[in-house]
């Protein structure tokens, strides 16, 4: 791997690993979000710990760090698909497995969306539509997230984005893997809906 790829990966990872959910709940005097609900540092669990506004801010910041990683790669490194994808991969892995939290991070739905906003905006629109429509209909955050991340590689395959397809498929598999406990609860019928306590 060349320097042109190593630096975007490292910068992406460092940005992605910023645990906004944990930082915001502590700053707001809500304690450690990891001690609440599912123990996740993502927006859904932050909403349980600190309310809707804090959850919304976490979602936006988690998306922005993914977008920022790709934007930096596009503007300060060689603007190639390889460097952009390297930054994107670093950001998502950083969010999922941050070194600061012993590699126990979030589930990646918002960060994946932020990455798509800069990497492939059409894919981001599909992602957002699936995410929001599913959440509005089912009110289950995990299902909305899983279907949204799955929609990105499917859209890439349909719309001929062959360069992005392997990356987006890998991202989808990683995020779905991080939702494995949610999937187990869905199968058991114990996963809760948005606005109620627990899971996420």
C-alpha atoms as a PDB file:
ATOM      1  CA  UNK A   1       0.000   0.000   0.000  1.00  0.00           C
ATOM      2  CA  UNK A   2       1.415   3.394  -1.014  1.00  0.00           C
ATOM      3  CA  UNK A   3       1.551   6.569   1.067  1.00  0.00           C
ATOM      4  CA  UNK A   4      -1.301   7.961  -1.031  1.00  0.00           C
ATOM      5  CA  UNK A   5      -3.479   5.189   0.389  1.00  0.00           C
ATOM      6  CA  UNK A   6      -2.022   4.840   3.879  1.00  0.00           C
ATOM      7  CA  UNK A   7      -2.646   8.458   4.867  1.00  0.00           C
ATOM      8  CA  UNK A   8      -6.325   8.496   3.794  1.00  0.00           C
ATOM      9  CA  UNK A   9      -6.872   5.251   5.724  1.00  0.00           C
ATOM     10  CA  UNK A  10      -5.219   6.624   8.861  1.00  0.00           C
ATOM     11  CA  UNK A  11      -6.991   9.977   8.700  1.00  0.00           C
ATOM     12  CA  UNK A  12     -10.284   8.235   7.976  1.00  0.00           C
ATOM     13  CA  UNK A  13      -9.789   5.876  10.907  1.00  0.00           C
ATOM     14  CA  UNK A  14      -8.953   8.674  13.329  1.00  0.00           C
ATOM     15  CA  UNK A  15     -12.001  10.656  12.259  1.00  0.00           C
ATOM     16  CA  UNK A  16     -14.257   7.621  12.313  1.00  0.00           C
ATOM     17  CA  UNK A  17     -13.103   6.590  15.764  1.00  0.00           C
ATOM     18  CA  UNK A  18     -14.242   9.823  17.443  1.00  0.00           C
ATOM     19  CA  UNK A  19     -16.996   8.529  19.801  1.00  0.00           C
ATOM     20  CA  UNK A  20     -19.408  11.434  19.516  1.00  0.00           C
ATOM     21  CA  UNK A  21     -22.229   9.574  21.258  1.00  0.00           C
ATOM     22  CA  UNK A  22     -20.101   8.900  24.320  1.00  0.00           C
ATOM     23  CA  UNK A  23     -18.643  12.414  24.396  1.00  0.00           C
ATOM     24  CA  UNK A  24     -21.999  14.145  24.005  1.00  0.00           C
ATOM     25  CA  UNK A  25     -23.782  12.177  26.704  1.00  0.00           C
ATOM     26  CA  UNK A  26     -20.951  12.845  29.135  1.00  0.00           C
ATOM     27  CA  UNK A  27     -20.853  16.553  28.297  1.00  0.00           C
ATOM     28  CA  UNK A  28     -24.613  16.709  28.776  1.00  0.00           C
ATOM     29  CA  UNK A  29     -24.284  15.141  32.209  1.00  0.00           C
ATOM     30  CA  UNK A  30     -26.100  11.946  31.155  1.00  0.00           C
ATOM     31  CA  UNK A  31     -23.317   9.601  32.229  1.00  0.00           C
ATOM     32  CA  UNK A  32     -21.826   6.825  30.121  1.00  0.00           C
ATOM     33  CA  UNK A  33     -24.089   5.860  27.222  1.00  0.00           C
ATOM     34  CA  UNK A  34     -22.533   2.393  27.325  1.00  0.00           C
ATOM     35  CA  UNK A  35     -24.371   1.809  30.612  1.00  0.00           C
ATOM     36  CA  UNK A  36     -27.768   2.499  29.027  1.00  0.00           C
ATOM     37  CA  UNK A  37     -30.021   0.294  26.895  1.00  0.00           C
ATOM     38  CA  UNK A  38     -28.016  -1.722  24.396  1.00  0.00           C
ATOM     39  CA  UNK A  39     -24.727  -0.167  25.528  1.00  0.00           C
ATOM     40  CA  UNK A  40     -24.084   1.109  22.009  1.00  0.00           C
ATOM     41  CA  UNK A  41     -22.553   4.553  21.364  1.00  0.00           C
ATOM     42  CA  UNK A  42     -24.745   5.263  18.330  1.00  0.00           C
ATOM     43  CA  UNK A  43     -27.596   7.725  17.903  1.00  0.00           C
ATOM     44  CA  UNK A  44     -30.441   5.358  18.833  1.00  0.00           C
ATOM     45  CA  UNK A  45     -28.945   4.518  22.202  1.00  0.00           C
ATOM     46  CA  UNK A  46     -27.859   8.125  22.800  1.00  0.00           C
ATOM     47  CA  UNK A  47     -31.503   9.087  22.306  1.00  0.00           C
ATOM     48  CA  UNK A  48     -32.415   6.703  25.130  1.00  0.00           C
ATOM     49  CA  UNK A  49     -29.740   8.133  27.386  1.00  0.00           C
ATOM     50  CA  UNK A  50     -30.108  11.815  26.626  1.00  0.00           C
ATOM     51  CA  UNK A  51     -33.222  12.439  24.578  1.00  0.00           C
ATOM     52  CA  UNK A  52     -34.097  13.046  20.926  1.00  0.00           C
ATOM     53  CA  UNK A  53     -32.013  16.190  20.459  1.00  0.00           C
ATOM     54  CA  UNK A  54     -28.822  14.555  21.706  1.00  0.00           C
ATOM     55  CA  UNK A  55     -29.556  11.513  19.557  1.00  0.00           C
ATOM     56  CA  UNK A  56     -30.096  13.680  16.475  1.00  0.00           C
ATOM     57  CA  UNK A  57     -26.844  15.580  17.064  1.00  0.00           C
ATOM     58  CA  UNK A  58     -24.984  12.285  17.426  1.00  0.00           C
ATOM     59  CA  UNK A  59     -26.470  11.009  14.170  1.00  0.00           C
ATOM     60  CA  UNK A  60     -25.413  14.164  12.305  1.00  0.00           C
ATOM     61  CA  UNK A  61     -21.882  14.141  13.727  1.00  0.00           C
ATOM     62  CA  UNK A  62     -21.418  10.427  13.045  1.00  0.00           C
ATOM     63  CA  UNK A  63     -22.467  11.057   9.446  1.00  0.00           C
ATOM     64  CA  UNK A  64     -20.258  14.121   9.126  1.00  0.00           C
ATOM     65  CA  UNK A  65     -17.118  12.304  10.211  1.00  0.00           C
ATOM     66  CA  UNK A  66     -17.634   9.757   7.430  1.00  0.00           C
ATOM     67  CA  UNK A  67     -18.286  12.512   4.914  1.00  0.00           C
ATOM     68  CA  UNK A  68     -15.258  14.484   6.124  1.00  0.00           C
ATOM     69  CA  UNK A  69     -12.910  11.526   5.696  1.00  0.00           C
ATOM     70  CA  UNK A  70     -13.833  11.102   2.024  1.00  0.00           C
ATOM     71  CA  UNK A  71     -13.884  14.858   1.383  1.00  0.00           C
ATOM     72  CA  UNK A  72     -10.353  15.223   2.767  1.00  0.00           C
ATOM     73  CA  UNK A  73      -9.143  12.372   0.566  1.00  0.00           C
ATOM     74  CA  UNK A  74     -10.726  13.975  -2.490  1.00  0.00           C
ATOM     75  CA  UNK A  75      -9.295  17.416  -1.822  1.00  0.00           C
ATOM     76  CA  UNK A  76      -5.917  16.820  -0.213  1.00  0.00           C
ATOM     77  CA  UNK A  77      -4.743  13.548  -1.725  1.00  0.00           C
ATOM     78  CA  UNK A  78      -4.726  12.168  -5.242  1.00  0.00           C
ATOM     79  CA  UNK A  79      -8.367  12.221  -6.266  1.00  0.00           C
ATOM     80  CA  UNK A  80      -8.603   8.583  -7.274  1.00  0.00           C
ATOM     81  CA  UNK A  81     -11.218   5.939  -6.527  1.00  0.00           C
ATOM     82  CA  UNK A  82      -8.594   4.051  -4.522  1.00  0.00           C
ATOM     83  CA  UNK A  83      -7.769   6.920  -2.144  1.00  0.00           C
ATOM     84  CA  UNK A  84     -11.434   7.842  -1.723  1.00  0.00           C
ATOM     85  CA  UNK A  85     -12.349   4.265  -0.906  1.00  0.00           C
ATOM     86  CA  UNK A  86      -9.367   3.931   1.436  1.00  0.00           C
ATOM     87  CA  UNK A  87     -10.554   6.951   3.413  1.00  0.00           C
ATOM     88  CA  UNK A  88     -14.108   5.615   3.453  1.00  0.00           C
ATOM     89  CA  UNK A  89     -12.954   2.229   4.715  1.00  0.00           C
ATOM     90  CA  UNK A  90     -10.831   3.845   7.408  1.00  0.00           C
ATOM     91  CA  UNK A  91     -13.750   5.962   8.622  1.00  0.00           C
ATOM     92  CA  UNK A  92     -16.227   3.104   8.828  1.00  0.00           C
ATOM     93  CA  UNK A  93     -13.789   0.723  10.519  1.00  0.00           C
ATOM     94  CA  UNK A  94     -12.797   3.504  12.912  1.00  0.00           C
ATOM     95  CA  UNK A  95     -16.422   3.987  13.930  1.00  0.00           C
ATOM     96  CA  UNK A  96     -17.087   0.273  14.290  1.00  0.00           C
ATOM     97  CA  UNK A  97     -13.818  -0.520  16.055  1.00  0.00           C
ATOM     98  CA  UNK A  98     -12.341   2.619  17.716  1.00  0.00           C
ATOM     99  CA  UNK A  99      -9.015   2.067  19.414  1.00  0.00           C
ATOM    100  CA  UNK A 100      -9.997   4.480  22.209  1.00  0.00           C
ATOM    101  CA  UNK A 101     -12.890   2.243  23.310  1.00  0.00           C
ATOM    102  CA  UNK A 102     -11.075  -1.094  23.102  1.00  0.00           C
ATOM    103  CA  UNK A 103     -12.472  -1.563  19.569  1.00  0.00           C
ATOM    104  CA  UNK A 104     -16.085  -1.517  20.781  1.00  0.00           C
ATOM    105  CA  UNK A 105     -17.777   1.147  18.689  1.00  0.00           C
ATOM    106  CA  UNK A 106     -21.062   1.923  17.029  1.00  0.00           C
ATOM    107  CA  UNK A 107     -22.955   0.059  14.347  1.00  0.00           C
ATOM    108  CA  UNK A 108     -22.095   2.308  11.443  1.00  0.00           C
ATOM    109  CA  UNK A 109     -25.431   3.223   9.864  1.00  0.00           C
ATOM    110  CA  UNK A 110     -25.001   7.007  10.115  1.00  0.00           C
ATOM    111  CA  UNK A 111     -21.287   6.929   9.268  1.00  0.00           C
ATOM    112  CA  UNK A 112     -21.982   4.774   6.205  1.00  0.00           C
ATOM    113  CA  UNK A 113     -24.568   7.318   5.086  1.00  0.00           C
ATOM    114  CA  UNK A 114     -22.116  10.198   5.518  1.00  0.00           C
ATOM    115  CA  UNK A 115     -19.536   8.352   3.446  1.00  0.00           C
ATOM    116  CA  UNK A 116     -22.064   7.829   0.662  1.00  0.00           C
ATOM    117  CA  UNK A 117     -23.018  11.511   0.638  1.00  0.00           C
ATOM    118  CA  UNK A 118     -19.556  12.375  -0.663  1.00  0.00           C
ATOM    119  CA  UNK A 119     -18.537   9.132  -2.349  1.00  0.00           C
ATOM    120  CA  UNK A 120     -21.739   8.502  -4.341  1.00  0.00           C
ATOM    121  CA  UNK A 121     -24.612  10.913  -3.775  1.00  0.00           C
ATOM    122  CA  UNK A 122     -27.189   8.910  -5.741  1.00  0.00           C
ATOM    123  CA  UNK A 123     -26.479   5.950  -3.486  1.00  0.00           C
ATOM    124  CA  UNK A 124     -26.924   8.202  -0.469  1.00  0.00           C
ATOM    125  CA  UNK A 125     -30.375   9.217  -1.707  1.00  0.00           C
ATOM    126  CA  UNK A 126     -31.416   5.579  -2.100  1.00  0.00           C
ATOM    127  CA  UNK A 127     -29.962   4.771   1.316  1.00  0.00           C
ATOM    128  CA  UNK A 128     -31.790   7.657   2.998  1.00  0.00           C
ATOM    129  CA  UNK A 129     -35.093   6.795   1.321  1.00  0.00           C
ATOM    130  CA  UNK A 130     -34.935   3.163   2.439  1.00  0.00           C
ATOM    131  CA  UNK A 131     -33.765   4.116   5.930  1.00  0.00           C
ATOM    132  CA  UNK A 132     -36.431   6.754   6.552  1.00  0.00           C
ATOM    133  CA  UNK A 133     -39.299   4.845   4.908  1.00  0.00           C
ATOM    134  CA  UNK A 134     -38.561   1.675   6.875  1.00  0.00           C
ATOM    135  CA  UNK A 135     -38.204   3.597  10.126  1.00  0.00           C
ATOM    136  CA  UNK A 136     -41.478   5.439   9.509  1.00  0.00           C
ATOM    137  CA  UNK A 137     -43.367   2.230   8.737  1.00  0.00           C
ATOM    138  CA  UNK A 138     -41.887  -0.255  11.199  1.00  0.00           C
ATOM    139  CA  UNK A 139     -40.435   2.048  13.879  1.00  0.00           C
ATOM    140  CA  UNK A 140     -37.574  -0.406  14.406  1.00  0.00           C
ATOM    141  CA  UNK A 141     -34.191   1.296  14.147  1.00  0.00           C
ATOM    142  CA  UNK A 142     -32.192  -1.873  13.554  1.00  0.00           C
ATOM    143  CA  UNK A 143     -34.368  -3.051  10.652  1.00  0.00           C
ATOM    144  CA  UNK A 144     -34.230   0.398   9.046  1.00  0.00           C
ATOM    145  CA  UNK A 145     -30.453   0.437   9.350  1.00  0.00           C
ATOM    146  CA  UNK A 146     -29.971  -3.080   8.028  1.00  0.00           C
ATOM    147  CA  UNK A 147     -32.187  -2.494   4.996  1.00  0.00           C
ATOM    148  CA  UNK A 148     -30.537   0.860   4.305  1.00  0.00           C
ATOM    149  CA  UNK A 149     -27.009  -0.556   4.295  1.00  0.00           C
ATOM    150  CA  UNK A 150     -28.148  -3.467   2.131  1.00  0.00           C
ATOM    151  CA  UNK A 151     -29.693  -1.042  -0.362  1.00  0.00           C
ATOM    152  CA  UNK A 152     -26.345   0.597  -1.190  1.00  0.00           C
ATOM    153  CA  UNK A 153     -24.601  -2.368  -2.881  1.00  0.00           C
ATOM    154  CA  UNK A 154     -27.870  -3.396  -4.512  1.00  0.00           C
ATOM    155  CA  UNK A 155     -28.260   0.107  -5.972  1.00  0.00           C
ATOM    156  CA  UNK A 156     -24.608   0.039  -7.080  1.00  0.00           C
ATOM    157  CA  UNK A 157     -25.160  -3.248  -8.906  1.00  0.00           C
ATOM    158  CA  UNK A 158     -28.343  -2.040 -10.603  1.00  0.00           C
ATOM    159  CA  UNK A 159     -26.952   1.357 -11.578  1.00  0.00           C
ATOM    160  CA  UNK A 160     -23.651   0.033 -12.885  1.00  0.00           C
ATOM    161  CA  UNK A 161     -21.349   1.328 -10.150  1.00  0.00           C
ATOM    162  CA  UNK A 162     -19.009  -1.637 -10.510  1.00  0.00           C
ATOM    163  CA  UNK A 163     -16.061   0.204  -8.948  1.00  0.00           C
ATOM    164  CA  UNK A 164     -17.987   0.885  -5.755  1.00  0.00           C
ATOM    165  CA  UNK A 165     -19.898  -2.384  -5.518  1.00  0.00           C
ATOM    166  CA  UNK A 166     -17.215  -4.464  -3.683  1.00  0.00           C
ATOM    167  CA  UNK A 167     -16.598  -1.713  -1.125  1.00  0.00           C
ATOM    168  CA  UNK A 168     -20.286  -1.085  -0.477  1.00  0.00           C
ATOM    169  CA  UNK A 169     -20.981  -4.793  -0.184  1.00  0.00           C
ATOM    170  CA  UNK A 170     -18.156  -5.156   2.317  1.00  0.00           C
ATOM    171  CA  UNK A 171     -19.476  -2.201   4.293  1.00  0.00           C
ATOM    172  CA  UNK A 172     -22.978  -3.685   4.323  1.00  0.00           C
ATOM    173  CA  UNK A 173     -21.722  -7.025   5.610  1.00  0.00           C
ATOM    174  CA  UNK A 174     -19.705  -5.329   8.363  1.00  0.00           C
ATOM    175  CA  UNK A 175     -22.639  -3.224   9.527  1.00  0.00           C
ATOM    176  CA  UNK A 176     -25.032  -6.185   9.427  1.00  0.00           C
ATOM    177  CA  UNK A 177     -22.508  -8.189  11.461  1.00  0.00           C
ATOM    178  CA  UNK A 178     -22.514  -5.401  14.059  1.00  0.00           C
ATOM    179  CA  UNK A 179     -26.303  -5.802  14.211  1.00  0.00           C
ATOM    180  CA  UNK A 180     -26.134  -9.521  14.997  1.00  0.00           C
ATOM    181  CA  UNK A 181     -27.572  -9.056  18.509  1.00  0.00           C
ATOM    182  CA  UNK A 182     -30.433  -7.026  17.048  1.00  0.00           C
ATOM    183  CA  UNK A 183     -31.062  -9.771  14.508  1.00  0.00           C
ATOM    184  CA  UNK A 184     -31.205 -12.327  17.317  1.00  0.00           C
ATOM    185  CA  UNK A 185     -33.756 -10.177  19.150  1.00  0.00           C
ATOM    186  CA  UNK A 186     -35.770  -9.731  15.963  1.00  0.00           C
ATOM    187  CA  UNK A 187     -35.927 -13.491  15.532  1.00  0.00           C
ATOM    188  CA  UNK A 188     -36.976 -13.860  19.159  1.00  0.00           C
ATOM    189  CA  UNK A 189     -39.579 -11.106  18.816  1.00  0.00           C
ATOM    190  CA  UNK A 190     -38.005  -9.009  21.578  1.00  0.00           C
ATOM    191  CA  UNK A 191     -36.567  -6.115  19.559  1.00  0.00           C
ATOM    192  CA  UNK A 192     -38.249  -2.867  20.567  1.00  0.00           C
ATOM    193  CA  UNK A 193     -39.514   0.020  18.504  1.00  0.00           C
ATOM    194  CA  UNK A 194     -38.190   3.575  18.448  1.00  0.00           C
ATOM    195  CA  UNK A 195     -39.506   5.517  21.413  1.00  0.00           C
ATOM    196  CA  UNK A 196     -39.484   2.575  23.800  1.00  0.00           C
ATOM    197  CA  UNK A 197     -36.766   1.473  26.178  1.00  0.00           C
ATOM    198  CA  UNK A 198     -34.045  -1.062  25.420  1.00  0.00           C
ATOM    199  CA  UNK A 199     -32.161  -2.526  22.426  1.00  0.00           C
ATOM    200  CA  UNK A 200     -30.763  -0.582  19.438  1.00  0.00           C
END
